[in-house]
Amino acid sequence: MKTPPPLPSAAVTCDETVSLFGKGAPTTLSADQSDSFSRRADASRCPRCSGEGRRVPAATLTSLVRDKARARLASLDGFRFCATPVCAVAYFQPAAGELILCTDVVVPVFQKSADPARLVCYCFKHTVAEVQQEARAGGGVSRIAADIKARCAQGLDDCERNNPQGACCLGNVQRVFREAVAEAAPTSSPPEADEDGGCCCH
């Protein structure tokens, strides 16, 4: 399985990304922009950065988007998650042309921040720093990832409501672990990713 590219070292925080577009940047596209965007052949891409967006369930927005931002939306259905680190958009709705900025999300978005203290596992509260520390300690196997798998198998996870990407975090956890191993011992081969992409959701 092909290993995904590393997270950019210059990833910015949600507050910093808003400045890229200015504090007055609109969070809803104009009628003409919306119509044009809706007609695009590939409407699954973020209108700000053109990054591919994955669908998120309405439950994710209900749980993690601030009340004021949710109140202006026509519907919570049909939104996609933008994972581009330097883009201020967290979610976008292709048909309606609506945008939700990452500053409208009640928790820091893993992909949009470079803070080691941010969560990578939202259900069981594991931080990036915690995973990195484990990787640097050696052993080659992540006990944190194993713990997440075990607890998910017991039905204790709720990724749709806890994780801004609306899906399992395990792929992100494994990615952070592999990158930390590679940084600690650049001449060694990092652990292989799970063939299923690292998802342990049941």
N, C-alpha and C. Protein backbone atom coordinates (compact mmCIF):
# COMPACT_ATOMS: atom_id res chain seq x y z
N MET A 1 0.85 -1.20 0.00
CA MET A 1 0.00 0.00 0.00
C MET A 1 0.88 1.25 0.00
N LYS A 2 0.57 2.23 -0.82
CA LYS A 2 1.40 3.41 -0.92
C LYS A 2 1.28 4.25 0.33
N THR A 3 2.41 4.67 0.90
CA THR A 3 2.41 5.50 2.09
C THR A 3 2.06 6.93 1.72
N PRO A 4 1.11 7.57 2.43
CA PRO A 4 0.72 8.93 2.09
C PRO A 4 1.85 9.90 2.37
N PRO A 5 1.88 11.07 1.69
CA PRO A 5 2.94 12.05 1.92
C PRO A 5 2.89 12.58 3.33
N PRO A 6 4.04 13.00 3.90
CA PRO A 6 4.06 13.49 5.27
C PRO A 6 3.28 14.78 5.42
N LEU A 7 2.81 15.04 6.64
CA LEU A 7 2.13 16.29 6.91
C LEU A 7 3.13 17.43 6.76
N PRO A 8 2.74 18.55 6.16
CA PRO A 8 3.67 19.67 5.99
C PRO A 8 4.17 20.17 7.33
N SER A 9 5.46 20.44 7.43
CA SER A 9 6.02 20.93 8.69
C SER A 9 5.56 22.35 8.96
N ALA A 10 5.10 23.03 7.92
CA ALA A 10 4.67 24.42 8.08
C ALA A 10 3.16 24.52 8.19
N ALA A 11 2.50 23.46 8.64
CA ALA A 11 1.04 23.51 8.80
C ALA A 11 0.70 24.64 9.75
N VAL A 12 -0.41 25.32 9.51
CA VAL A 12 -0.76 26.47 10.31
C VAL A 12 -1.99 26.18 11.14
N THR A 13 -2.20 27.02 12.16
CA THR A 13 -3.35 26.82 13.02
C THR A 13 -4.59 27.38 12.35
N CYS A 14 -5.76 27.03 12.92
CA CYS A 14 -7.02 27.53 12.35
C CYS A 14 -7.06 29.04 12.36
N ASP A 15 -6.60 29.67 13.47
CA ASP A 15 -6.63 31.12 13.55
C ASP A 15 -5.74 31.74 12.48
N GLU A 16 -4.60 31.11 12.20
CA GLU A 16 -3.69 31.64 11.21
C GLU A 16 -4.24 31.48 9.80
N THR A 17 -4.95 30.41 9.53
CA THR A 17 -5.44 30.19 8.17
C THR A 17 -6.46 31.23 7.78
N VAL A 18 -7.27 31.71 8.74
CA VAL A 18 -8.27 32.72 8.42
C VAL A 18 -7.59 33.97 7.87
N SER A 19 -6.40 34.31 8.38
CA SER A 19 -5.71 35.51 7.94
C SER A 19 -5.28 35.41 6.48
N LEU A 20 -5.19 34.20 5.94
CA LEU A 20 -4.82 34.04 4.54
C LEU A 20 -5.86 34.64 3.62
N PHE A 21 -7.10 34.71 4.08
CA PHE A 21 -8.19 35.21 3.25
C PHE A 21 -8.72 36.55 3.77
N GLY A 22 -8.22 36.97 4.94
CA GLY A 22 -8.69 38.20 5.54
C GLY A 22 -9.85 37.95 6.48
N LYS A 23 -9.94 38.74 7.52
CA LYS A 23 -10.99 38.52 8.52
C LYS A 23 -12.37 38.72 7.95
N GLY A 24 -12.47 39.50 6.86
CA GLY A 24 -13.78 39.75 6.27
C GLY A 24 -14.14 38.79 5.17
N ALA A 25 -13.35 37.74 4.99
CA ALA A 25 -13.62 36.79 3.90
C ALA A 25 -14.99 36.14 4.10
N PRO A 26 -15.82 36.07 3.05
CA PRO A 26 -17.17 35.51 3.19
C PRO A 26 -17.13 34.02 3.45
N THR A 27 -18.09 33.54 4.23
CA THR A 27 -18.19 32.11 4.50
C THR A 27 -19.28 31.48 3.65
N THR A 28 -19.91 32.27 2.79
CA THR A 28 -20.89 31.75 1.84
C THR A 28 -20.57 32.33 0.46
N LEU A 29 -20.58 31.50 -0.56
CA LEU A 29 -20.29 31.97 -1.91
C LEU A 29 -21.44 32.81 -2.44
N SER A 30 -21.14 33.73 -3.35
CA SER A 30 -22.18 34.52 -3.98
C SER A 30 -23.05 33.62 -4.85
N ALA A 31 -24.18 34.14 -5.31
CA ALA A 31 -25.09 33.33 -6.13
C ALA A 31 -24.40 32.85 -7.40
N ASP A 32 -23.64 33.76 -8.05
CA ASP A 32 -22.94 33.38 -9.28
C ASP A 32 -21.86 32.34 -9.00
N GLN A 33 -21.11 32.54 -7.91
CA GLN A 33 -20.06 31.59 -7.54
C GLN A 33 -20.65 30.24 -7.22
N SER A 34 -21.77 30.25 -6.48
CA SER A 34 -22.42 29.00 -6.10
C SER A 34 -22.90 28.24 -7.32
N ASP A 35 -23.53 28.96 -8.26
CA ASP A 35 -24.04 28.32 -9.47
C ASP A 35 -22.91 27.73 -10.29
N SER A 36 -21.80 28.49 -10.40
CA SER A 36 -20.65 28.00 -11.15
C SER A 36 -20.04 26.79 -10.47
N PHE A 37 -19.93 26.87 -9.15
CA PHE A 37 -19.33 25.77 -8.39
C PHE A 37 -20.18 24.51 -8.53
N SER A 38 -21.51 24.66 -8.48
CA SER A 38 -22.40 23.51 -8.56
C SER A 38 -22.30 22.81 -9.91
N ARG A 39 -21.95 23.57 -10.95
CA ARG A 39 -21.89 22.99 -12.28
C ARG A 39 -20.54 22.36 -12.59
N ARG A 40 -19.59 22.53 -11.69
CA ARG A 40 -18.26 21.97 -11.95
C ARG A 40 -18.33 20.45 -12.09
N ALA A 41 -17.48 19.93 -12.98
CA ALA A 41 -17.47 18.49 -13.21
C ALA A 41 -17.10 17.74 -11.95
N ASP A 42 -16.19 18.32 -11.13
CA ASP A 42 -15.78 17.67 -9.89
C ASP A 42 -16.15 18.57 -8.73
N ALA A 43 -17.37 18.46 -8.27
CA ALA A 43 -17.84 19.31 -7.18
C ALA A 43 -17.45 18.79 -5.82
N SER A 44 -16.61 17.77 -5.77
CA SER A 44 -16.17 17.23 -4.48
C SER A 44 -14.93 17.96 -3.97
N ARG A 45 -14.48 18.99 -4.71
CA ARG A 45 -13.27 19.72 -4.32
C ARG A 45 -13.60 21.03 -3.62
N CYS A 46 -12.79 21.37 -2.63
CA CYS A 46 -12.99 22.60 -1.87
C CYS A 46 -12.88 23.82 -2.79
N PRO A 47 -13.81 24.76 -2.72
CA PRO A 47 -13.77 25.93 -3.61
C PRO A 47 -12.66 26.91 -3.26
N ARG A 48 -12.07 26.80 -2.09
CA ARG A 48 -10.97 27.69 -1.70
C ARG A 48 -9.61 27.14 -2.12
N CYS A 49 -9.37 25.84 -1.92
CA CYS A 49 -8.04 25.28 -2.16
C CYS A 49 -8.02 24.20 -3.24
N SER A 50 -9.18 23.76 -3.70
CA SER A 50 -9.33 22.70 -4.71
C SER A 50 -8.93 21.33 -4.20
N GLY A 51 -8.75 21.19 -2.87
CA GLY A 51 -8.45 19.89 -2.31
C GLY A 51 -9.67 18.98 -2.32
N GLU A 52 -9.43 17.68 -2.50
CA GLU A 52 -10.52 16.71 -2.51
C GLU A 52 -11.16 16.65 -1.12
N GLY A 53 -12.49 16.70 -1.07
CA GLY A 53 -13.20 16.65 0.20
C GLY A 53 -13.96 15.35 0.37
N ARG A 54 -13.89 14.78 1.57
CA ARG A 54 -14.64 13.55 1.84
C ARG A 54 -15.95 13.89 2.54
N ARG A 55 -16.97 13.14 2.23
CA ARG A 55 -18.29 13.38 2.82
C ARG A 55 -18.26 13.18 4.34
N VAL A 56 -19.02 14.00 5.03
CA VAL A 56 -19.17 13.85 6.48
C VAL A 56 -20.66 13.76 6.81
N PRO A 57 -21.02 12.97 7.81
CA PRO A 57 -22.43 12.87 8.18
C PRO A 57 -22.91 14.12 8.89
N ALA A 58 -24.20 14.35 8.85
CA ALA A 58 -24.77 15.52 9.52
C ALA A 58 -24.48 15.50 11.02
N ALA A 59 -24.33 14.31 11.59
CA ALA A 59 -24.06 14.19 13.03
C ALA A 59 -22.75 14.88 13.41
N THR A 60 -21.78 14.89 12.50
CA THR A 60 -20.50 15.54 12.77
C THR A 60 -20.69 17.04 12.94
N LEU A 61 -21.46 17.65 12.05
CA LEU A 61 -21.71 19.08 12.13
C LEU A 61 -22.55 19.43 13.36
N THR A 62 -23.53 18.61 13.65
CA THR A 62 -24.38 18.84 14.83
C THR A 62 -23.55 18.85 16.10
N SER A 63 -22.57 17.96 16.17
CA SER A 63 -21.77 17.82 17.38
C SER A 63 -20.63 18.83 17.48
N LEU A 64 -20.01 19.19 16.34
CA LEU A 64 -18.74 19.91 16.40
C LEU A 64 -18.74 21.33 15.84
N VAL A 65 -19.79 21.74 15.14
CA VAL A 65 -19.84 23.10 14.60
C VAL A 65 -20.58 24.00 15.57
N ARG A 66 -20.04 25.18 15.79
CA ARG A 66 -20.64 26.12 16.74
C ARG A 66 -22.07 26.46 16.34
N ASP A 67 -22.90 26.71 17.35
CA ASP A 67 -24.32 26.97 17.13
C ASP A 67 -24.56 28.12 16.14
N LYS A 68 -23.79 29.20 16.29
CA LYS A 68 -23.99 30.37 15.43
C LYS A 68 -23.73 30.03 13.97
N ALA A 69 -22.72 29.22 13.71
CA ALA A 69 -22.41 28.83 12.33
C ALA A 69 -23.46 27.88 11.78
N ARG A 70 -23.93 26.96 12.63
CA ARG A 70 -24.97 26.01 12.17
C ARG A 70 -26.27 26.72 11.85
N ALA A 71 -26.56 27.79 12.58
CA ALA A 71 -27.85 28.47 12.43
C ALA A 71 -28.01 29.10 11.05
N ARG A 72 -26.92 29.43 10.39
CA ARG A 72 -27.03 30.07 9.07
C ARG A 72 -27.07 29.08 7.92
N LEU A 73 -26.98 27.78 8.22
CA LEU A 73 -26.97 26.77 7.16
C LEU A 73 -28.39 26.37 6.77
N ALA A 74 -28.59 26.16 5.49
CA ALA A 74 -29.89 25.71 5.02
C ALA A 74 -30.15 24.26 5.45
N SER A 75 -29.10 23.45 5.46
CA SER A 75 -29.20 22.04 5.82
C SER A 75 -27.83 21.56 6.27
N LEU A 76 -27.81 20.48 7.05
CA LEU A 76 -26.54 19.89 7.48
C LEU A 76 -26.12 18.74 6.58
N ASP A 77 -26.91 18.46 5.58
CA ASP A 77 -26.62 17.34 4.67
C ASP A 77 -25.73 17.78 3.51
N GLY A 78 -24.95 16.84 3.01
CA GLY A 78 -24.18 17.06 1.80
C GLY A 78 -22.85 17.76 1.98
N PHE A 79 -22.40 17.95 3.22
CA PHE A 79 -21.13 18.64 3.45
C PHE A 79 -19.96 17.69 3.27
N ARG A 80 -18.81 18.28 2.90
CA ARG A 80 -17.56 17.55 2.76
C ARG A 80 -16.49 18.20 3.63
N PHE A 81 -15.55 17.38 4.08
CA PHE A 81 -14.46 17.84 4.95
C PHE A 81 -13.24 18.17 4.11
N CYS A 82 -12.68 19.36 4.32
CA CYS A 82 -11.45 19.76 3.64
C CYS A 82 -10.28 19.51 4.58
N ALA A 83 -9.34 18.68 4.16
CA ALA A 83 -8.20 18.31 5.01
C ALA A 83 -6.93 19.07 4.67
N THR A 84 -6.98 20.01 3.74
CA THR A 84 -5.78 20.75 3.35
C THR A 84 -5.28 21.59 4.51
N PRO A 85 -4.04 21.40 4.96
CA PRO A 85 -3.54 22.10 6.15
C PRO A 85 -3.60 23.61 6.08
N VAL A 86 -3.32 24.22 4.92
CA VAL A 86 -3.25 25.67 4.83
C VAL A 86 -4.54 26.31 4.35
N CYS A 87 -5.64 25.58 4.35
CA CYS A 87 -6.94 26.12 3.94
C CYS A 87 -7.79 26.40 5.17
N ALA A 88 -8.45 27.56 5.17
CA ALA A 88 -9.26 27.97 6.31
C ALA A 88 -10.60 27.24 6.39
N VAL A 89 -10.97 26.55 5.31
CA VAL A 89 -12.27 25.88 5.26
C VAL A 89 -12.19 24.52 5.95
N ALA A 90 -13.15 24.26 6.82
CA ALA A 90 -13.26 22.94 7.44
C ALA A 90 -14.25 22.07 6.66
N TYR A 91 -15.39 22.65 6.29
CA TYR A 91 -16.44 21.92 5.58
C TYR A 91 -17.00 22.80 4.46
N PHE A 92 -17.45 22.16 3.39
CA PHE A 92 -18.10 22.89 2.30
C PHE A 92 -19.24 22.04 1.75
N GLN A 93 -20.27 22.74 1.27
CA GLN A 93 -21.44 22.08 0.70
C GLN A 93 -21.52 22.46 -0.77
N PRO A 94 -21.17 21.55 -1.68
CA PRO A 94 -21.09 21.90 -3.10
C PRO A 94 -22.38 22.45 -3.69
N ALA A 95 -23.50 21.83 -3.39
CA ALA A 95 -24.76 22.25 -4.02
C ALA A 95 -25.21 23.62 -3.56
N ALA A 96 -25.08 23.90 -2.25
CA ALA A 96 -25.54 25.17 -1.69
C ALA A 96 -24.46 26.24 -1.71
N GLY A 97 -23.20 25.85 -1.94
CA GLY A 97 -22.12 26.82 -1.93
C GLY A 97 -21.80 27.35 -0.55
N GLU A 98 -22.13 26.59 0.49
CA GLU A 98 -21.90 27.04 1.86
C GLU A 98 -20.55 26.55 2.38
N LEU A 99 -19.90 27.40 3.19
CA LEU A 99 -18.61 27.08 3.77
C LEU A 99 -18.67 27.18 5.29
N ILE A 100 -17.94 26.30 5.96
CA ILE A 100 -17.76 26.37 7.41
C ILE A 100 -16.26 26.46 7.66
N LEU A 101 -15.81 27.54 8.29
CA LEU A 101 -14.39 27.70 8.56
C LEU A 101 -13.97 26.87 9.76
N CYS A 102 -12.67 26.58 9.85
CA CYS A 102 -12.22 25.76 10.98
C CYS A 102 -12.34 26.52 12.30
N THR A 103 -12.45 27.84 12.25
CA THR A 103 -12.69 28.61 13.47
C THR A 103 -14.12 28.42 13.97
N ASP A 104 -14.98 27.85 13.13
CA ASP A 104 -16.36 27.55 13.53
C ASP A 104 -16.49 26.17 14.17
N VAL A 105 -15.39 25.45 14.24
CA VAL A 105 -15.39 24.10 14.83
C VAL A 105 -14.95 24.20 16.29
N VAL A 106 -15.61 23.48 17.17
CA VAL A 106 -15.40 23.64 18.61
C VAL A 106 -14.11 23.00 19.13
N VAL A 107 -13.45 22.19 18.31
CA VAL A 107 -12.17 21.59 18.69
C VAL A 107 -11.14 21.90 17.60
N PRO A 108 -9.85 21.94 17.95
CA PRO A 108 -8.83 22.12 16.91
C PRO A 108 -8.88 20.96 15.91
N VAL A 109 -8.79 21.28 14.64
CA VAL A 109 -8.83 20.26 13.60
C VAL A 109 -7.41 19.71 13.39
N PHE A 110 -7.24 18.42 13.55
CA PHE A 110 -5.93 17.79 13.47
C PHE A 110 -5.15 18.21 12.24
N GLN A 111 -5.77 18.15 11.08
CA GLN A 111 -5.09 18.43 9.83
C GLN A 111 -4.72 19.90 9.66
N LYS A 112 -5.34 20.79 10.43
CA LYS A 112 -5.17 22.22 10.23
C LYS A 112 -4.20 22.86 11.22
N SER A 113 -3.56 22.08 12.04
CA SER A 113 -2.71 22.61 13.09
C SER A 113 -1.37 21.89 13.12
N ALA A 114 -0.35 22.59 13.64
CA ALA A 114 0.96 21.98 13.84
C ALA A 114 1.28 21.84 15.32
N ASP A 115 0.32 22.11 16.18
CA ASP A 115 0.53 22.05 17.62
C ASP A 115 0.61 20.59 18.08
N PRO A 116 1.74 20.17 18.66
CA PRO A 116 1.85 18.77 19.12
C PRO A 116 0.83 18.41 20.20
N ALA A 117 0.28 19.42 20.86
CA ALA A 117 -0.69 19.15 21.92
C ALA A 117 -2.10 18.89 21.39
N ARG A 118 -2.29 19.03 20.07
CA ARG A 118 -3.63 18.80 19.51
C ARG A 118 -3.96 17.31 19.54
N LEU A 119 -5.24 17.02 19.55
CA LEU A 119 -5.68 15.63 19.54
C LEU A 119 -5.51 15.03 18.15
N VAL A 120 -5.12 13.78 18.12
CA VAL A 120 -5.15 13.00 16.88
C VAL A 120 -6.23 11.93 17.00
N CYS A 121 -6.49 11.47 18.22
CA CYS A 121 -7.62 10.57 18.50
C CYS A 121 -8.59 11.32 19.40
N TYR A 122 -9.74 11.65 18.86
CA TYR A 122 -10.71 12.48 19.57
C TYR A 122 -11.58 11.68 20.52
N CYS A 123 -11.77 10.41 20.27
CA CYS A 123 -12.62 9.60 21.13
C CYS A 123 -11.93 9.26 22.45
N PHE A 124 -10.63 8.96 22.37
CA PHE A 124 -9.90 8.49 23.55
C PHE A 124 -8.80 9.46 23.97
N LYS A 125 -8.83 10.67 23.41
CA LYS A 125 -8.01 11.80 23.86
C LYS A 125 -6.51 11.57 23.78
N HIS A 126 -6.04 10.97 22.70
CA HIS A 126 -4.60 10.83 22.49
C HIS A 126 -4.11 12.02 21.66
N THR A 127 -3.01 12.64 22.11
CA THR A 127 -2.45 13.78 21.40
C THR A 127 -1.35 13.35 20.43
N VAL A 128 -1.00 14.26 19.53
CA VAL A 128 0.09 14.02 18.60
C VAL A 128 1.39 13.82 19.38
N ALA A 129 1.63 14.65 20.39
CA ALA A 129 2.86 14.55 21.19
C ALA A 129 2.98 13.19 21.87
N GLU A 130 1.87 12.67 22.33
CA GLU A 130 1.86 11.36 22.99
C GLU A 130 2.28 10.25 22.02
N VAL A 131 1.75 10.30 20.82
CA VAL A 131 2.09 9.29 19.81
C VAL A 131 3.55 9.44 19.39
N GLN A 132 4.00 10.68 19.21
CA GLN A 132 5.39 10.92 18.82
C GLN A 132 6.36 10.43 19.90
N GLN A 133 6.03 10.68 21.14
CA GLN A 133 6.89 10.23 22.24
C GLN A 133 7.01 8.71 22.26
N GLU A 134 5.89 8.04 22.03
CA GLU A 134 5.91 6.58 22.00
C GLU A 134 6.79 6.08 20.85
N ALA A 135 6.68 6.72 19.68
CA ALA A 135 7.46 6.30 18.52
C ALA A 135 8.96 6.49 18.76
N ARG A 136 9.33 7.59 19.39
CA ARG A 136 10.74 7.89 19.63
C ARG A 136 11.35 6.99 20.70
N ALA A 137 10.48 6.42 21.54
CA ALA A 137 10.97 5.52 22.59
C ALA A 137 11.40 4.17 22.04
N GLY A 138 11.03 3.89 20.79
CA GLY A 138 11.43 2.64 20.14
C GLY A 138 10.40 1.54 20.31
N GLY A 139 10.69 0.40 19.71
CA GLY A 139 9.77 -0.74 19.80
C GLY A 139 9.12 -1.05 18.48
N GLY A 140 8.88 0.00 17.65
CA GLY A 140 8.36 -0.21 16.31
C GLY A 140 6.89 -0.51 16.22
N VAL A 141 6.21 -0.67 17.34
CA VAL A 141 4.78 -0.96 17.35
C VAL A 141 4.08 0.03 18.27
N SER A 142 3.00 0.60 17.81
CA SER A 142 2.28 1.59 18.60
C SER A 142 1.27 0.93 19.52
N ARG A 143 1.51 1.05 20.81
CA ARG A 143 0.55 0.54 21.80
C ARG A 143 -0.71 1.40 21.80
N ILE A 144 -0.54 2.68 21.46
CA ILE A 144 -1.70 3.58 21.40
C ILE A 144 -2.66 3.13 20.31
N ALA A 145 -2.12 2.82 19.13
CA ALA A 145 -2.96 2.34 18.03
C ALA A 145 -3.65 1.04 18.41
N ALA A 146 -2.91 0.15 19.08
CA ALA A 146 -3.50 -1.13 19.51
C ALA A 146 -4.62 -0.89 20.51
N ASP A 147 -4.43 0.08 21.40
CA ASP A 147 -5.46 0.40 22.41
C ASP A 147 -6.72 0.96 21.74
N ILE A 148 -6.51 1.81 20.74
CA ILE A 148 -7.64 2.38 20.01
C ILE A 148 -8.44 1.27 19.32
N LYS A 149 -7.73 0.35 18.67
CA LYS A 149 -8.39 -0.77 18.00
C LYS A 149 -9.22 -1.59 18.98
N ALA A 150 -8.62 -1.89 20.13
CA ALA A 150 -9.30 -2.71 21.13
C ALA A 150 -10.55 -2.03 21.65
N ARG A 151 -10.47 -0.75 21.92
CA ARG A 151 -11.62 -0.02 22.46
C ARG A 151 -12.70 0.18 21.41
N CYS A 152 -12.28 0.34 20.15
CA CYS A 152 -13.26 0.42 19.06
C CYS A 152 -14.01 -0.91 18.92
N ALA A 153 -13.28 -2.01 19.08
CA ALA A 153 -13.89 -3.33 18.98
C ALA A 153 -14.95 -3.53 20.06
N GLN A 154 -14.82 -2.80 21.16
CA GLN A 154 -15.81 -2.87 22.24
C GLN A 154 -16.97 -1.90 22.02
N GLY A 155 -16.92 -1.16 20.91
CA GLY A 155 -17.99 -0.21 20.61
C GLY A 155 -17.92 1.07 21.40
N LEU A 156 -16.73 1.44 21.88
CA LEU A 156 -16.58 2.62 22.73
C LEU A 156 -16.27 3.89 21.94
N ASP A 157 -16.09 3.77 20.63
CA ASP A 157 -15.77 4.93 19.81
C ASP A 157 -17.03 5.62 19.32
N ASP A 158 -16.90 6.89 18.96
CA ASP A 158 -18.00 7.66 18.36
C ASP A 158 -17.37 8.70 17.42
N CYS A 159 -16.69 8.19 16.40
CA CYS A 159 -15.90 9.04 15.51
C CYS A 159 -16.75 10.08 14.79
N GLU A 160 -17.96 9.72 14.40
CA GLU A 160 -18.80 10.66 13.67
C GLU A 160 -19.07 11.93 14.47
N ARG A 161 -19.16 11.81 15.78
CA ARG A 161 -19.49 12.96 16.62
C ARG A 161 -18.28 13.60 17.29
N ASN A 162 -17.16 12.89 17.35
CA ASN A 162 -15.99 13.40 18.05
C ASN A 162 -14.88 13.91 17.14
N ASN A 163 -14.73 13.30 15.97
CA ASN A 163 -13.63 13.63 15.07
C ASN A 163 -14.12 14.58 13.98
N PRO A 164 -13.48 15.75 13.82
CA PRO A 164 -13.92 16.69 12.78
C PRO A 164 -13.98 16.10 11.38
N GLN A 165 -13.17 15.10 11.08
CA GLN A 165 -13.22 14.50 9.75
C GLN A 165 -14.40 13.53 9.61
N GLY A 166 -15.11 13.29 10.71
CA GLY A 166 -16.31 12.47 10.68
C GLY A 166 -16.07 11.00 10.49
N ALA A 167 -14.82 10.55 10.69
CA ALA A 167 -14.47 9.15 10.46
C ALA A 167 -13.34 8.75 11.41
N CYS A 168 -12.99 7.47 11.35
CA CYS A 168 -11.98 6.89 12.24
C CYS A 168 -10.64 7.63 12.16
N CYS A 169 -9.99 7.77 13.31
CA CYS A 169 -8.71 8.48 13.41
C CYS A 169 -7.50 7.58 13.22
N LEU A 170 -7.68 6.27 13.19
CA LEU A 170 -6.54 5.36 13.29
C LEU A 170 -5.50 5.58 12.19
N GLY A 171 -5.95 5.89 10.98
CA GLY A 171 -5.01 6.16 9.91
C GLY A 171 -4.12 7.35 10.23
N ASN A 172 -4.69 8.38 10.86
CA ASN A 172 -3.90 9.55 11.26
C ASN A 172 -2.92 9.19 12.36
N VAL A 173 -3.36 8.38 13.33
CA VAL A 173 -2.49 7.95 14.42
C VAL A 173 -1.29 7.19 13.86
N GLN A 174 -1.54 6.26 12.97
CA GLN A 174 -0.46 5.46 12.39
C GLN A 174 0.48 6.32 11.55
N ARG A 175 -0.08 7.30 10.90
CA ARG A 175 0.75 8.20 10.08
C ARG A 175 1.68 9.02 10.96
N VAL A 176 1.17 9.58 12.06
CA VAL A 176 2.00 10.34 12.99
C VAL A 176 3.10 9.45 13.56
N PHE A 177 2.73 8.21 13.90
CA PHE A 177 3.70 7.26 14.46
C PHE A 177 4.82 6.97 13.45
N ARG A 178 4.45 6.67 12.20
CA ARG A 178 5.44 6.35 11.18
C ARG A 178 6.39 7.52 10.93
N GLU A 179 5.84 8.73 10.87
CA GLU A 179 6.67 9.89 10.61
C GLU A 179 7.63 10.17 11.75
N ALA A 180 7.16 9.95 13.00
CA ALA A 180 8.04 10.15 14.15
C ALA A 180 9.15 9.11 14.19
N VAL A 181 8.83 7.88 13.82
CA VAL A 181 9.85 6.83 13.74
C VAL A 181 10.89 7.19 12.69
N ALA A 182 10.44 7.67 11.54
CA ALA A 182 11.35 8.03 10.46
C ALA A 182 12.25 9.19 10.85
N GLU A 183 11.71 10.14 11.60
CA GLU A 183 12.50 11.29 12.03
C GLU A 183 13.55 10.87 13.06
N ALA A 184 13.18 9.94 13.94
CA ALA A 184 14.10 9.49 14.99
C ALA A 184 15.22 8.63 14.44
N ALA A 185 14.91 7.83 13.41
CA ALA A 185 15.90 6.93 12.80
C ALA A 185 15.71 6.98 11.30
N PRO A 186 16.19 8.04 10.64
CA PRO A 186 15.93 8.24 9.20
C PRO A 186 16.46 7.14 8.29
N THR A 187 17.41 6.32 8.77
CA THR A 187 17.96 5.27 7.91
C THR A 187 17.16 3.98 7.98
N SER A 188 16.23 3.90 8.94
CA SER A 188 15.43 2.69 9.08
C SER A 188 14.12 2.82 8.34
N SER A 189 13.50 1.69 8.02
CA SER A 189 12.23 1.69 7.32
C SER A 189 11.10 1.85 8.33
N PRO A 190 10.17 2.80 8.11
CA PRO A 190 9.06 2.99 9.01
C PRO A 190 8.10 1.80 8.96
N PRO A 191 7.34 1.57 10.03
CA PRO A 191 6.37 0.47 10.03
C PRO A 191 5.38 0.63 8.89
N GLU A 192 4.95 -0.49 8.33
CA GLU A 192 3.99 -0.46 7.23
C GLU A 192 2.61 -0.08 7.73
N ALA A 193 1.86 0.60 6.87
CA ALA A 193 0.48 0.95 7.21
C ALA A 193 -0.41 -0.28 7.05
N ASP A 194 -1.52 -0.31 7.79
CA ASP A 194 -2.47 -1.39 7.64
C ASP A 194 -3.03 -1.38 6.23
N GLU A 195 -3.29 -2.55 5.67
CA GLU A 195 -3.81 -2.65 4.32
C GLU A 195 -5.19 -2.05 4.18
N ASP A 196 -5.95 -1.96 5.29
CA ASP A 196 -7.31 -1.43 5.21
C ASP A 196 -7.34 0.09 5.36
N GLY A 197 -6.16 0.70 5.36
CA GLY A 197 -6.11 2.15 5.48
C GLY A 197 -6.12 2.62 6.92
N GLY A 198 -6.13 1.70 7.86
CA GLY A 198 -6.03 2.08 9.25
C GLY A 198 -7.37 2.35 9.93
N CYS A 199 -8.47 1.98 9.32
CA CYS A 199 -9.77 2.22 9.94
C CYS A 199 -10.17 1.04 10.81
N CYS A 200 -10.58 1.33 12.04
CA CYS A 200 -11.01 0.25 12.93
C CYS A 200 -12.47 0.39 13.32
N CYS A 201 -13.18 1.31 12.66
CA CYS A 201 -14.59 1.49 12.98
C CYS A 201 -15.39 0.25 12.63
N HIS A 202 -16.35 -0.07 13.46
CA HIS A 202 -17.16 -1.27 13.26
C HIS A 202 -18.46 -0.91 12.58
